[in-house]
Each structure stands twice: as structure tokens, then as C-alpha cells.
């Protein structure tokens, strides 16, 4: 499997990264949220490496940095592109610059590494953006000059900000090497608002929320489609089987397979993040992300169905 893995360049960073990245947060947190042991979570990290994945994304807030550190024990540091994050908030208030420096060093200790390839300000809300740039960004710039961080990124808080207000603002600046953006079949608004500009500016892009609850649970999808119909955001759909055409012959094996491939082949997306606590599920997701694009007529149909929707995440 690892020999089949596909690589892309993460924007202007020049980093060669796999098209699938192991996400260590989300609902699963490497299985920890579902009751898996730390040892079992470490095995997910090792399985990802065995499958050829070289991009691993974690965060202070996920509480999985230590697991990733154990999972990378004995692995050549140069073989892995490591991404982690810290939020603007800290102990019920905004973090100071000196506190952020301490938090970065704590992340490095948990990860058992001297540096991270990408360090993001995590889940930044639009009301915190100016503070983040004035108080926290200079600390990351200093840490970059010290060799503790190779590239600086920012991630949006997609759940409360499905219209990408923070990244629309952030992309006007030249501070960011990498951005993490929410994008999926149900909310494609990042295509015109974010991805067009990241391509122009050479910003590396990480895709989160490719598959969440509504694209993995039939009842959740039905409920969401009903909501969109009631709001007159979509029309002329079969509420009971709105995306059934994606599982038709010669299209995809499952809705999840189609959802991953839809994101994988979206122009401007470099890495699609996928998290799980199950090795077989991990293998299945890798297989999906290595498959060819969906048929053009299917992509066109999906774009037409959900055009203009920016109020949901699919979570």
C-alpha cells in the first residue's frame, strides 16, 4: 500500500506530503474518544506510517500529541511532516505571547521532537484575529527563526464559522504558509472564497470535515437535507435518498468513498485529513483517497445541488 501512496507539494513550503493526512482530533482522537487505550491509539499512528502516510496533524487541544510522539518513536524525523496547533484562548482568556512560547515548547516535548514542520494558530475566530496577529504571531516568527517551527499556519473554527470569515480575512495578509479549511460536498463555499486565493498565493491547504456525521450516518444526512429543503436552500431532491446517485454503478463504492474523492480532487486542496481509531477504516480511507476523481457529470451535479450553501458543516 505504501508504495502506491501519492504525494503533492504543500504550497510554497515545498514540503512533499501525502494526499491523505492522519488527523488526530475530531470525534475519534485516534480512538481515544471511543474508549481505545493509548497503546491502541499508538498503533493507529504506526499503521498510518505503514500505509505510506507521511503527514500527521495533531494539536494541544486534541490531547493526542503524546500518542503521536510514542507512535513516531524510532522513525526517522525527516520521514514525517508533523503539524500541530495551539489556540488563541488559554485558561479561559486570551493567551499572552510568552505563554504561547511555553505552550509550543510543551508541544515539542510531548511530540518528542526538536521542531515541527507546521505550527498553526488553532480555530481562530474573526474577533480574535487581530489579537492573534499582534500578540501571538510574532512569537511564532521568532520560533521559526530559532528552528523550532518550519512554517506557520492558521486554522479556522469551521463549526461556528462555516462561511470562513476568519480565513477570508487572513488570506489578505502574507503571514501564513499553510491554512486548514473546512470543505466537503455539503458546504463547498471555500472553493471561491478561499481556495482560489490560496492557489494564487501559494498557500498550502489542509482539508478538514471531508466526512463527518451527515456523510457517514444516513439519518443525520436525511435530517440535514430536510433542514436545507425547509430553508429553501436546495430543491427538487429526494429527502430520503438525496445522494443515492453517488453509490450508483461506475461512480463510487459508498457515500464516504465519494465524499473523500470529491475533496481529494478539488483544485487547491493539498492534503485531505482523515481521523479514525480503527485500522481497517484507516485502510479504507486511504483506498478512497487514492482512487480516480468522480465522473465530471457527478461533480457538476454536486456543485449545482449545494451551490451557495455556507451555513452548515455536515457535522
C-alpha atoms as a PDB file:
ATOM      1  CA  UNK A   1       0.000   0.000   0.000  1.00  0.00           C
ATOM      2  CA  UNK A   2       2.700   2.468   0.942  1.00  0.00           C
ATOM      3  CA  UNK A   3       4.306   2.153  -2.486  1.00  0.00           C
ATOM      4  CA  UNK A   4       1.044   3.390  -4.068  1.00  0.00           C
ATOM      5  CA  UNK A   5       0.759   6.497  -1.940  1.00  0.00           C
ATOM      6  CA  UNK A   6       0.559   9.755  -3.854  1.00  0.00           C
ATOM      7  CA  UNK A   7       2.400  12.944  -2.950  1.00  0.00           C
ATOM      8  CA  UNK A   8       1.849  16.634  -3.595  1.00  0.00           C
ATOM      9  CA  UNK A   9       3.765  19.788  -2.708  1.00  0.00           C
ATOM     10  CA  UNK A  10       2.273  21.713   0.214  1.00  0.00           C
ATOM     11  CA  UNK A  11       2.101  25.119  -1.418  1.00  0.00           C
ATOM     12  CA  UNK A  12       5.117  27.406  -1.133  1.00  0.00           C
ATOM     13  CA  UNK A  13       6.518  25.372   1.784  1.00  0.00           C
ATOM     14  CA  UNK A  14       7.997  22.934  -0.712  1.00  0.00           C
ATOM     15  CA  UNK A  15       7.182  20.066   1.656  1.00  0.00           C
ATOM     16  CA  UNK A  16       6.382  16.793  -0.131  1.00  0.00           C
ATOM     17  CA  UNK A  17       3.290  15.472   1.600  1.00  0.00           C
ATOM     18  CA  UNK A  18       0.887  12.595   1.108  1.00  0.00           C
ATOM     19  CA  UNK A  19      -2.561  13.389  -0.273  1.00  0.00           C
ATOM     20  CA  UNK A  20      -4.046  11.907   2.894  1.00  0.00           C
ATOM     21  CA  UNK A  21      -3.021  13.130   6.304  1.00  0.00           C
ATOM     22  CA  UNK A  22      -3.724  11.382   9.584  1.00  0.00           C
ATOM     23  CA  UNK A  23      -5.964  13.648  11.647  1.00  0.00           C
ATOM     24  CA  UNK A  24      -5.545  13.095  15.378  1.00  0.00           C
ATOM     25  CA  UNK A  25      -8.543  15.118  16.570  1.00  0.00           C
ATOM     26  CA  UNK A  26     -12.186  15.142  15.519  1.00  0.00           C
ATOM     27  CA  UNK A  27     -14.729  12.768  17.018  1.00  0.00           C
ATOM     28  CA  UNK A  28     -12.240   9.906  17.250  1.00  0.00           C
ATOM     29  CA  UNK A  29      -8.948  11.329  18.546  1.00  0.00           C
ATOM     30  CA  UNK A  30      -7.221   8.147  17.326  1.00  0.00           C
ATOM     31  CA  UNK A  31      -9.928   6.099  19.047  1.00  0.00           C
ATOM     32  CA  UNK A  32      -9.376   7.601  22.496  1.00  0.00           C
ATOM     33  CA  UNK A  33     -12.830   9.197  22.431  1.00  0.00           C
ATOM     34  CA  UNK A  34     -14.352   5.759  21.790  1.00  0.00           C
ATOM     35  CA  UNK A  35     -12.597   4.126  24.718  1.00  0.00           C
ATOM     36  CA  UNK A  36      -9.460   2.826  22.993  1.00  0.00           C
ATOM     37  CA  UNK A  37      -6.295   2.593  25.046  1.00  0.00           C
ATOM     38  CA  UNK A  38      -3.250   4.736  24.461  1.00  0.00           C
ATOM     39  CA  UNK A  39      -1.425   1.671  23.125  1.00  0.00           C
ATOM     40  CA  UNK A  40      -4.214   1.059  20.611  1.00  0.00           C
ATOM     41  CA  UNK A  41      -4.077   4.705  19.542  1.00  0.00           C
ATOM     42  CA  UNK A  42      -0.321   4.432  19.028  1.00  0.00           C
ATOM     43  CA  UNK A  43      -0.997   1.504  16.686  1.00  0.00           C
ATOM     44  CA  UNK A  44      -3.163   3.768  14.508  1.00  0.00           C
ATOM     45  CA  UNK A  45      -0.212   6.123  14.085  1.00  0.00           C
ATOM     46  CA  UNK A  46       2.080   3.241  13.207  1.00  0.00           C
ATOM     47  CA  UNK A  47      -0.477   1.782  10.791  1.00  0.00           C
ATOM     48  CA  UNK A  48      -0.725   5.142   9.030  1.00  0.00           C
ATOM     49  CA  UNK A  49       3.037   5.185   8.566  1.00  0.00           C
ATOM     50  CA  UNK A  50       2.962   1.610   7.260  1.00  0.00           C
ATOM     51  CA  UNK A  51       0.342   2.684   4.701  1.00  0.00           C
ATOM     52  CA  UNK A  52       2.702   5.350   3.410  1.00  0.00           C
ATOM     53  CA  UNK A  53       1.133   8.394   5.076  1.00  0.00           C
ATOM     54  CA  UNK A  54       3.762  10.980   5.966  1.00  0.00           C
ATOM     55  CA  UNK A  55       1.570  13.903   7.128  1.00  0.00           C
ATOM     56  CA  UNK A  56       0.313  13.787  10.718  1.00  0.00           C
ATOM     57  CA  UNK A  57      -1.795  16.566  12.219  1.00  0.00           C
ATOM     58  CA  UNK A  58      -2.421  16.918  15.933  1.00  0.00           C
ATOM     59  CA  UNK A  59      -2.941  19.764  18.413  1.00  0.00           C
ATOM     60  CA  UNK A  60      -2.505  20.762  22.007  1.00  0.00           C
ATOM     61  CA  UNK A  61      -6.286  20.725  22.383  1.00  0.00           C
ATOM     62  CA  UNK A  62      -6.704  17.199  20.984  1.00  0.00           C
ATOM     63  CA  UNK A  63      -4.575  15.744  23.774  1.00  0.00           C
ATOM     64  CA  UNK A  64      -3.016  13.321  21.297  1.00  0.00           C
ATOM     65  CA  UNK A  65       0.435  14.879  20.895  1.00  0.00           C
ATOM     66  CA  UNK A  66       1.972  12.430  23.351  1.00  0.00           C
ATOM     67  CA  UNK A  67       0.419   9.498  21.489  1.00  0.00           C
ATOM     68  CA  UNK A  68       1.879  10.775  18.229  1.00  0.00           C
ATOM     69  CA  UNK A  69       5.240  11.121  19.936  1.00  0.00           C
ATOM     70  CA  UNK A  70       5.134   7.479  21.028  1.00  0.00           C
ATOM     71  CA  UNK A  71       3.946   6.424  17.572  1.00  0.00           C
ATOM     72  CA  UNK A  72       6.930   8.116  15.926  1.00  0.00           C
ATOM     73  CA  UNK A  73       9.460   6.559  18.303  1.00  0.00           C
ATOM     74  CA  UNK A  74      12.222   5.020  16.221  1.00  0.00           C
ATOM     75  CA  UNK A  75      11.037   6.684  12.999  1.00  0.00           C
ATOM     76  CA  UNK A  76      13.432   8.989  11.177  1.00  0.00           C
ATOM     77  CA  UNK A  77      12.190  12.516  11.817  1.00  0.00           C
ATOM     78  CA  UNK A  78      12.803  13.523   8.191  1.00  0.00           C
ATOM     79  CA  UNK A  79      10.320  10.894   7.002  1.00  0.00           C
ATOM     80  CA  UNK A  80       7.370  12.616   8.687  1.00  0.00           C
ATOM     81  CA  UNK A  81       5.764  16.015   8.154  1.00  0.00           C
ATOM     82  CA  UNK A  82       4.431  16.943  11.566  1.00  0.00           C
ATOM     83  CA  UNK A  83       1.710  19.530  12.160  1.00  0.00           C
ATOM     84  CA  UNK A  84       0.361  20.747  15.477  1.00  0.00           C
ATOM     85  CA  UNK A  85      -1.543  23.742  16.838  1.00  0.00           C
ATOM     86  CA  UNK A  86      -2.437  25.942  19.779  1.00  0.00           C
ATOM     87  CA  UNK A  87      -5.485  28.140  20.181  1.00  0.00           C
ATOM     88  CA  UNK A  88      -5.667  31.840  20.936  1.00  0.00           C
ATOM     89  CA  UNK A  89      -7.581  31.007  24.105  1.00  0.00           C
ATOM     90  CA  UNK A  90      -5.765  29.763  27.183  1.00  0.00           C
ATOM     91  CA  UNK A  91      -7.226  29.138  30.637  1.00  0.00           C
ATOM     92  CA  UNK A  92     -10.483  30.986  29.902  1.00  0.00           C
ATOM     93  CA  UNK A  93      -8.771  34.027  28.420  1.00  0.00           C
ATOM     94  CA  UNK A  94      -6.534  35.037  25.545  1.00  0.00           C
ATOM     95  CA  UNK A  95      -3.033  33.622  25.721  1.00  0.00           C
ATOM     96  CA  UNK A  96      -0.115  36.003  26.027  1.00  0.00           C
ATOM     97  CA  UNK A  97       2.882  35.752  23.738  1.00  0.00           C
ATOM     98  CA  UNK A  98       5.219  34.392  26.440  1.00  0.00           C
ATOM     99  CA  UNK A  99       2.606  31.779  27.358  1.00  0.00           C
ATOM    100  CA  UNK A 100       2.356  30.688  23.725  1.00  0.00           C
ATOM    101  CA  UNK A 101       6.118  30.215  23.614  1.00  0.00           C
ATOM    102  CA  UNK A 102       5.880  27.920  26.650  1.00  0.00           C
ATOM    103  CA  UNK A 103       2.974  26.053  25.075  1.00  0.00           C
ATOM    104  CA  UNK A 104       4.930  25.446  21.869  1.00  0.00           C
ATOM    105  CA  UNK A 105       7.847  24.053  23.851  1.00  0.00           C
ATOM    106  CA  UNK A 106       5.437  21.808  25.769  1.00  0.00           C
ATOM    107  CA  UNK A 107       4.070  20.502  22.463  1.00  0.00           C
ATOM    108  CA  UNK A 108       7.587  19.715  21.263  1.00  0.00           C
ATOM    109  CA  UNK A 109       8.242  17.778  24.474  1.00  0.00           C
ATOM    110  CA  UNK A 110       5.058  15.753  24.115  1.00  0.00           C
ATOM    111  CA  UNK A 111       5.866  15.043  20.471  1.00  0.00           C
ATOM    112  CA  UNK A 112       9.445  14.088  21.389  1.00  0.00           C
ATOM    113  CA  UNK A 113      10.880  16.297  18.659  1.00  0.00           C
ATOM    114  CA  UNK A 114      13.081  19.377  18.340  1.00  0.00           C
ATOM    115  CA  UNK A 115      10.835  21.032  15.758  1.00  0.00           C
ATOM    116  CA  UNK A 116       7.506  20.809  13.997  1.00  0.00           C
ATOM    117  CA  UNK A 117       7.090  21.307  10.275  1.00  0.00           C
ATOM    118  CA  UNK A 118       3.896  23.357  10.610  1.00  0.00           C
ATOM    119  CA  UNK A 119       2.602  25.121  13.692  1.00  0.00           C
ATOM    120  CA  UNK A 120      -0.871  26.654  13.435  1.00  0.00           C
ATOM    121  CA  UNK A 121      -2.840  29.117  15.436  1.00  0.00           C
ATOM    122  CA  UNK A 122      -5.829  26.885  16.035  1.00  0.00           C
ATOM    123  CA  UNK A 123      -9.504  27.603  15.430  1.00  0.00           C
ATOM    124  CA  UNK A 124      -9.098  31.363  15.257  1.00  0.00           C
ATOM    125  CA  UNK A 125     -12.362  33.300  15.339  1.00  0.00           C
ATOM    126  CA  UNK A 126     -12.690  36.550  13.416  1.00  0.00           C
ATOM    127  CA  UNK A 127     -12.996  38.578  16.628  1.00  0.00           C
ATOM    128  CA  UNK A 128      -9.642  37.187  17.818  1.00  0.00           C
ATOM    129  CA  UNK A 129      -7.766  37.572  14.543  1.00  0.00           C
ATOM    130  CA  UNK A 130      -6.223  40.995  15.179  1.00  0.00           C
ATOM    131  CA  UNK A 131      -5.058  39.961  18.654  1.00  0.00           C
ATOM    132  CA  UNK A 132      -3.581  36.747  17.244  1.00  0.00           C
ATOM    133  CA  UNK A 133      -1.575  38.675  14.678  1.00  0.00           C
ATOM    134  CA  UNK A 134      -0.384  41.358  17.089  1.00  0.00           C
ATOM    135  CA  UNK A 135       0.384  39.265  20.185  1.00  0.00           C
ATOM    136  CA  UNK A 136       0.939  35.660  19.087  1.00  0.00           C
ATOM    137  CA  UNK A 137       2.188  35.682  15.515  1.00  0.00           C
ATOM    138  CA  UNK A 138       5.481  37.444  16.431  1.00  0.00           C
ATOM    139  CA  UNK A 139       6.236  34.609  18.846  1.00  0.00           C
ATOM    140  CA  UNK A 140       5.800  32.047  16.073  1.00  0.00           C
ATOM    141  CA  UNK A 141       8.005  34.114  13.771  1.00  0.00           C
ATOM    142  CA  UNK A 142      10.714  34.117  16.448  1.00  0.00           C
ATOM    143  CA  UNK A 143      10.365  30.366  16.974  1.00  0.00           C
ATOM    144  CA  UNK A 144      10.658  29.891  13.234  1.00  0.00           C
ATOM    145  CA  UNK A 145      13.944  31.819  13.219  1.00  0.00           C
ATOM    146  CA  UNK A 146      15.114  29.585  16.084  1.00  0.00           C
ATOM    147  CA  UNK A 147      14.368  26.423  14.093  1.00  0.00           C
ATOM    148  CA  UNK A 148      11.571  25.208  16.368  1.00  0.00           C
ATOM    149  CA  UNK A 149       8.932  25.785  13.659  1.00  0.00           C
ATOM    150  CA  UNK A 150       9.499  25.454   9.929  1.00  0.00           C
ATOM    151  CA  UNK A 151       6.254  27.001   8.679  1.00  0.00           C
ATOM    152  CA  UNK A 152       3.386  28.965  10.205  1.00  0.00           C
ATOM    153  CA  UNK A 153      -0.267  28.131   9.655  1.00  0.00           C
ATOM    154  CA  UNK A 154      -3.751  29.134  10.730  1.00  0.00           C
ATOM    155  CA  UNK A 155      -6.905  27.042  11.042  1.00  0.00           C
ATOM    156  CA  UNK A 156     -10.484  28.206  11.079  1.00  0.00           C
ATOM    157  CA  UNK A 157     -13.131  27.110  13.577  1.00  0.00           C
ATOM    158  CA  UNK A 158     -15.375  25.634  10.893  1.00  0.00           C
ATOM    159  CA  UNK A 159     -18.289  24.636  13.140  1.00  0.00           C
ATOM    160  CA  UNK A 160     -19.084  28.193  14.325  1.00  0.00           C
ATOM    161  CA  UNK A 161     -17.637  29.776  11.166  1.00  0.00           C
ATOM    162  CA  UNK A 162     -18.926  27.752   8.183  1.00  0.00           C
ATOM    163  CA  UNK A 163     -18.740  30.845   5.945  1.00  0.00           C
ATOM    164  CA  UNK A 164     -14.938  31.136   6.504  1.00  0.00           C
ATOM    165  CA  UNK A 165     -14.954  34.679   7.888  1.00  0.00           C
ATOM    166  CA  UNK A 166     -11.572  34.234   9.569  1.00  0.00           C
ATOM    167  CA  UNK A 167      -9.779  32.814   6.556  1.00  0.00           C
ATOM    168  CA  UNK A 168     -11.339  35.385   4.222  1.00  0.00           C
ATOM    169  CA  UNK A 169      -9.653  37.978   6.430  1.00  0.00           C
ATOM    170  CA  UNK A 170      -6.424  36.040   6.973  1.00  0.00           C
ATOM    171  CA  UNK A 171      -5.827  35.426   3.300  1.00  0.00           C
ATOM    172  CA  UNK A 172      -5.470  39.171   2.770  1.00  0.00           C
ATOM    173  CA  UNK A 173      -2.238  39.031   4.779  1.00  0.00           C
ATOM    174  CA  UNK A 174       1.052  37.450   3.827  1.00  0.00           C
ATOM    175  CA  UNK A 175       1.723  35.838   7.190  1.00  0.00           C
ATOM    176  CA  UNK A 176       0.522  32.313   6.553  1.00  0.00           C
ATOM    177  CA  UNK A 177       2.326  29.438   4.837  1.00  0.00           C
ATOM    178  CA  UNK A 178      -0.490  26.933   5.433  1.00  0.00           C
ATOM    179  CA  UNK A 179      -4.235  27.121   6.067  1.00  0.00           C
ATOM    180  CA  UNK A 180      -6.659  24.465   7.288  1.00  0.00           C
ATOM    181  CA  UNK A 181     -10.131  24.901   5.814  1.00  0.00           C
ATOM    182  CA  UNK A 182     -13.455  23.128   6.135  1.00  0.00           C
ATOM    183  CA  UNK A 183     -14.683  21.788   2.802  1.00  0.00           C
ATOM    184  CA  UNK A 184     -16.990  18.964   1.786  1.00  0.00           C
ATOM    185  CA  UNK A 185     -19.837  18.031  -0.556  1.00  0.00           C
ATOM    186  CA  UNK A 186     -22.384  19.839   1.608  1.00  0.00           C
ATOM    187  CA  UNK A 187     -20.501  23.124   2.041  1.00  0.00           C
ATOM    188  CA  UNK A 188     -18.323  23.984  -0.940  1.00  0.00           C
ATOM    189  CA  UNK A 189     -18.129  27.711  -0.231  1.00  0.00           C
ATOM    190  CA  UNK A 190     -14.367  27.583   0.324  1.00  0.00           C
ATOM    191  CA  UNK A 191     -13.913  26.973  -3.405  1.00  0.00           C
ATOM    192  CA  UNK A 192     -14.463  30.599  -4.369  1.00  0.00           C
ATOM    193  CA  UNK A 193     -13.751  32.300  -1.051  1.00  0.00           C
ATOM    194  CA  UNK A 194     -10.531  30.557  -0.011  1.00  0.00           C
ATOM    195  CA  UNK A 195      -9.115  28.008  -2.438  1.00  0.00           C
ATOM    196  CA  UNK A 196      -8.959  30.323  -5.421  1.00  0.00           C
ATOM    197  CA  UNK A 197      -6.755  32.710  -3.452  1.00  0.00           C
ATOM    198  CA  UNK A 198      -4.618  30.073  -1.714  1.00  0.00           C
ATOM    199  CA  UNK A 199      -3.664  28.786  -5.147  1.00  0.00           C
ATOM    200  CA  UNK A 200      -2.778  32.275  -6.324  1.00  0.00           C
ATOM    201  CA  UNK A 201      -0.669  32.971  -3.226  1.00  0.00           C
ATOM    202  CA  UNK A 202       0.930  29.534  -2.952  1.00  0.00           C
ATOM    203  CA  UNK A 203      -0.557  28.814   0.475  1.00  0.00           C
ATOM    204  CA  UNK A 204      -0.632  25.129   1.380  1.00  0.00           C
ATOM    205  CA  UNK A 205      -4.128  23.864   2.148  1.00  0.00           C
ATOM    206  CA  UNK A 206      -5.317  21.147   4.507  1.00  0.00           C
ATOM    207  CA  UNK A 207      -8.917  19.966   4.178  1.00  0.00           C
ATOM    208  CA  UNK A 208     -10.907  19.106   7.293  1.00  0.00           C
ATOM    209  CA  UNK A 209     -14.529  17.901   7.594  1.00  0.00           C
ATOM    210  CA  UNK A 210     -14.366  15.931   4.337  1.00  0.00           C
ATOM    211  CA  UNK A 211     -16.523  13.292   6.021  1.00  0.00           C
ATOM    212  CA  UNK A 212     -18.380  13.997   9.237  1.00  0.00           C
ATOM    213  CA  UNK A 213     -21.691  12.850  10.724  1.00  0.00           C
ATOM    214  CA  UNK A 214     -24.053  13.753   7.870  1.00  0.00           C
ATOM    215  CA  UNK A 215     -21.882  11.993   5.303  1.00  0.00           C
ATOM    216  CA  UNK A 216     -21.449   8.858   7.382  1.00  0.00           C
ATOM    217  CA  UNK A 217     -24.871   8.413   9.048  1.00  0.00           C
ATOM    218  CA  UNK A 218     -27.988   8.052   6.924  1.00  0.00           C
ATOM    219  CA  UNK A 219     -30.384   9.539   9.496  1.00  0.00           C
ATOM    220  CA  UNK A 220     -28.159  12.568  10.025  1.00  0.00           C
ATOM    221  CA  UNK A 221     -27.994  13.207   6.294  1.00  0.00           C
ATOM    222  CA  UNK A 222     -31.765  12.900   5.930  1.00  0.00           C
ATOM    223  CA  UNK A 223     -32.266  15.370   8.770  1.00  0.00           C
ATOM    224  CA  UNK A 224     -29.831  17.854   7.265  1.00  0.00           C
ATOM    225  CA  UNK A 225     -31.343  17.611   3.770  1.00  0.00           C
ATOM    226  CA  UNK A 226     -34.797  18.216   5.264  1.00  0.00           C
ATOM    227  CA  UNK A 227     -33.411  21.303   7.011  1.00  0.00           C
ATOM    228  CA  UNK A 228     -31.967  22.631   3.753  1.00  0.00           C
ATOM    229  CA  UNK A 229     -35.225  21.984   1.900  1.00  0.00           C
ATOM    230  CA  UNK A 230     -37.237  23.728   4.633  1.00  0.00           C
ATOM    231  CA  UNK A 231     -34.919  26.724   4.325  1.00  0.00           C
ATOM    232  CA  UNK A 232     -35.336  26.623   0.536  1.00  0.00           C
ATOM    233  CA  UNK A 233     -31.573  26.291   0.111  1.00  0.00           C
ATOM    234  CA  UNK A 234     -31.962  23.207  -2.053  1.00  0.00           C
ATOM    235  CA  UNK A 235     -34.925  21.892  -4.001  1.00  0.00           C
ATOM    236  CA  UNK A 236     -36.062  19.030  -6.224  1.00  0.00           C
ATOM    237  CA  UNK A 237     -34.326  16.358  -4.158  1.00  0.00           C
ATOM    238  CA  UNK A 238     -35.419  13.032  -2.709  1.00  0.00           C
ATOM    239  CA  UNK A 239     -35.100  13.747   1.002  1.00  0.00           C
ATOM    240  CA  UNK A 240     -34.849  10.024   1.801  1.00  0.00           C
ATOM    241  CA  UNK A 241     -32.007   9.404  -0.659  1.00  0.00           C
ATOM    242  CA  UNK A 242     -30.658  12.758  -1.789  1.00  0.00           C
ATOM    243  CA  UNK A 243     -27.148  11.480  -2.530  1.00  0.00           C
ATOM    244  CA  UNK A 244     -28.047   7.970  -3.600  1.00  0.00           C
ATOM    245  CA  UNK A 245     -26.759   8.651  -7.101  1.00  0.00           C
ATOM    246  CA  UNK A 246     -23.223   8.693  -5.683  1.00  0.00           C
ATOM    247  CA  UNK A 247     -23.384   4.978  -4.985  1.00  0.00           C
ATOM    248  CA  UNK A 248     -24.553   4.112  -8.476  1.00  0.00           C
ATOM    249  CA  UNK A 249     -22.616   1.808 -10.791  1.00  0.00           C
ATOM    250  CA  UNK A 250     -19.320   3.229 -12.072  1.00  0.00           C
ATOM    251  CA  UNK A 251     -19.367   6.074  -9.544  1.00  0.00           C
ATOM    252  CA  UNK A 252     -18.254   5.071  -6.037  1.00  0.00           C
ATOM    253  CA  UNK A 253     -18.359   2.241  -3.520  1.00  0.00           C
ATOM    254  CA  UNK A 254     -20.027   4.275  -0.784  1.00  0.00           C
ATOM    255  CA  UNK A 255     -21.056   7.784   0.165  1.00  0.00           C
ATOM    256  CA  UNK A 256     -17.906   8.111   2.263  1.00  0.00           C
ATOM    257  CA  UNK A 257     -15.753   6.981  -0.673  1.00  0.00           C
ATOM    258  CA  UNK A 258     -17.385   9.608  -2.908  1.00  0.00           C
ATOM    259  CA  UNK A 259     -17.017  12.311  -0.249  1.00  0.00           C
ATOM    260  CA  UNK A 260     -13.289  11.731   0.167  1.00  0.00           C
ATOM    261  CA  UNK A 261     -12.687  11.648  -3.585  1.00  0.00           C
ATOM    262  CA  UNK A 262     -14.722  14.827  -4.075  1.00  0.00           C
ATOM    263  CA  UNK A 263     -12.354  16.661  -1.723  1.00  0.00           C
ATOM    264  CA  UNK A 264      -9.176  14.915  -2.882  1.00  0.00           C
ATOM    265  CA  UNK A 265      -9.557  16.163  -6.433  1.00  0.00           C
ATOM    266  CA  UNK A 266     -10.789  19.674  -5.647  1.00  0.00           C
ATOM    267  CA  UNK A 267      -8.301  22.163  -7.159  1.00  0.00           C
ATOM    268  CA  UNK A 268      -6.462  23.959  -4.390  1.00  0.00           C
ATOM    269  CA  UNK A 269      -6.687  21.206  -1.776  1.00  0.00           C
ATOM    270  CA  UNK A 270      -3.336  19.612  -0.986  1.00  0.00           C
ATOM    271  CA  UNK A 271      -3.975  17.236   1.927  1.00  0.00           C
ATOM    272  CA  UNK A 272      -7.279  15.695   2.992  1.00  0.00           C
ATOM    273  CA  UNK A 273      -7.258  14.906   6.706  1.00  0.00           C
ATOM    274  CA  UNK A 274      -8.880  11.725   7.936  1.00  0.00           C
ATOM    275  CA  UNK A 275      -9.108  10.521  11.510  1.00  0.00           C
ATOM    276  CA  UNK A 276     -10.088   7.151  12.909  1.00  0.00           C
ATOM    277  CA  UNK A 277      -9.489   4.727  15.738  1.00  0.00           C
ATOM    278  CA  UNK A 278      -9.846   1.657  13.531  1.00  0.00           C
ATOM    279  CA  UNK A 279      -7.071   0.296  11.318  1.00  0.00           C
ATOM    280  CA  UNK A 280      -9.452  -1.197   8.749  1.00  0.00           C
ATOM    281  CA  UNK A 281     -11.290   2.106   8.492  1.00  0.00           C
ATOM    282  CA  UNK A 282      -7.936   3.831   8.018  1.00  0.00           C
ATOM    283  CA  UNK A 283      -7.077   1.471   5.156  1.00  0.00           C
ATOM    284  CA  UNK A 284     -10.464   2.062   3.543  1.00  0.00           C
ATOM    285  CA  UNK A 285      -9.998   5.825   3.671  1.00  0.00           C
ATOM    286  CA  UNK A 286      -6.552   5.533   2.111  1.00  0.00           C
ATOM    287  CA  UNK A 287      -8.027   3.451  -0.694  1.00  0.00           C
ATOM    288  CA  UNK A 288     -10.678   6.092  -1.360  1.00  0.00           C
ATOM    289  CA  UNK A 289      -8.153   8.919  -1.490  1.00  0.00           C
ATOM    290  CA  UNK A 290      -6.023   7.006  -3.977  1.00  0.00           C
ATOM    291  CA  UNK A 291      -8.912   6.406  -6.375  1.00  0.00           C
ATOM    292  CA  UNK A 292      -9.556   8.481  -9.503  1.00  0.00           C
ATOM    293  CA  UNK A 293     -11.791  11.560  -9.475  1.00  0.00           C
ATOM    294  CA  UNK A 294     -15.559  11.201  -9.545  1.00  0.00           C
ATOM    295  CA  UNK A 295     -17.050  11.439 -13.047  1.00  0.00           C
ATOM    296  CA  UNK A 296     -17.227  15.084 -14.201  1.00  0.00           C
ATOM    297  CA  UNK A 297     -21.009  14.979 -14.551  1.00  0.00           C
ATOM    298  CA  UNK A 298     -21.310  13.840 -10.926  1.00  0.00           C
ATOM    299  CA  UNK A 299     -19.039  16.656  -9.696  1.00  0.00           C
ATOM    300  CA  UNK A 300     -21.097  19.150 -11.713  1.00  0.00           C
ATOM    301  CA  UNK A 301     -24.298  17.794 -10.211  1.00  0.00           C
ATOM    302  CA  UNK A 302     -22.952  18.092  -6.663  1.00  0.00           C
ATOM    303  CA  UNK A 303     -21.768  21.633  -7.280  1.00  0.00           C
ATOM    304  CA  UNK A 304     -25.196  22.564  -8.608  1.00  0.00           C
ATOM    305  CA  UNK A 305     -27.061  20.927  -5.724  1.00  0.00           C
ATOM    306  CA  UNK A 306     -25.184  22.708  -2.957  1.00  0.00           C
ATOM    307  CA  UNK A 307     -24.231  25.938  -4.687  1.00  0.00           C
ATOM    308  CA  UNK A 308     -24.327  28.932  -2.359  1.00  0.00           C
ATOM    309  CA  UNK A 309     -24.619  26.933   0.874  1.00  0.00           C
ATOM    310  CA  UNK A 310     -22.313  28.265   3.593  1.00  0.00           C
ATOM    311  CA  UNK A 311     -24.320  27.750   6.773  1.00  0.00           C
ATOM    312  CA  UNK A 312     -23.616  24.079   7.584  1.00  0.00           C
ATOM    313  CA  UNK A 313     -20.626  21.832   8.156  1.00  0.00           C
ATOM    314  CA  UNK A 314     -22.113  18.344   7.932  1.00  0.00           C
ATOM    315  CA  UNK A 315     -21.026  17.606  11.475  1.00  0.00           C
END
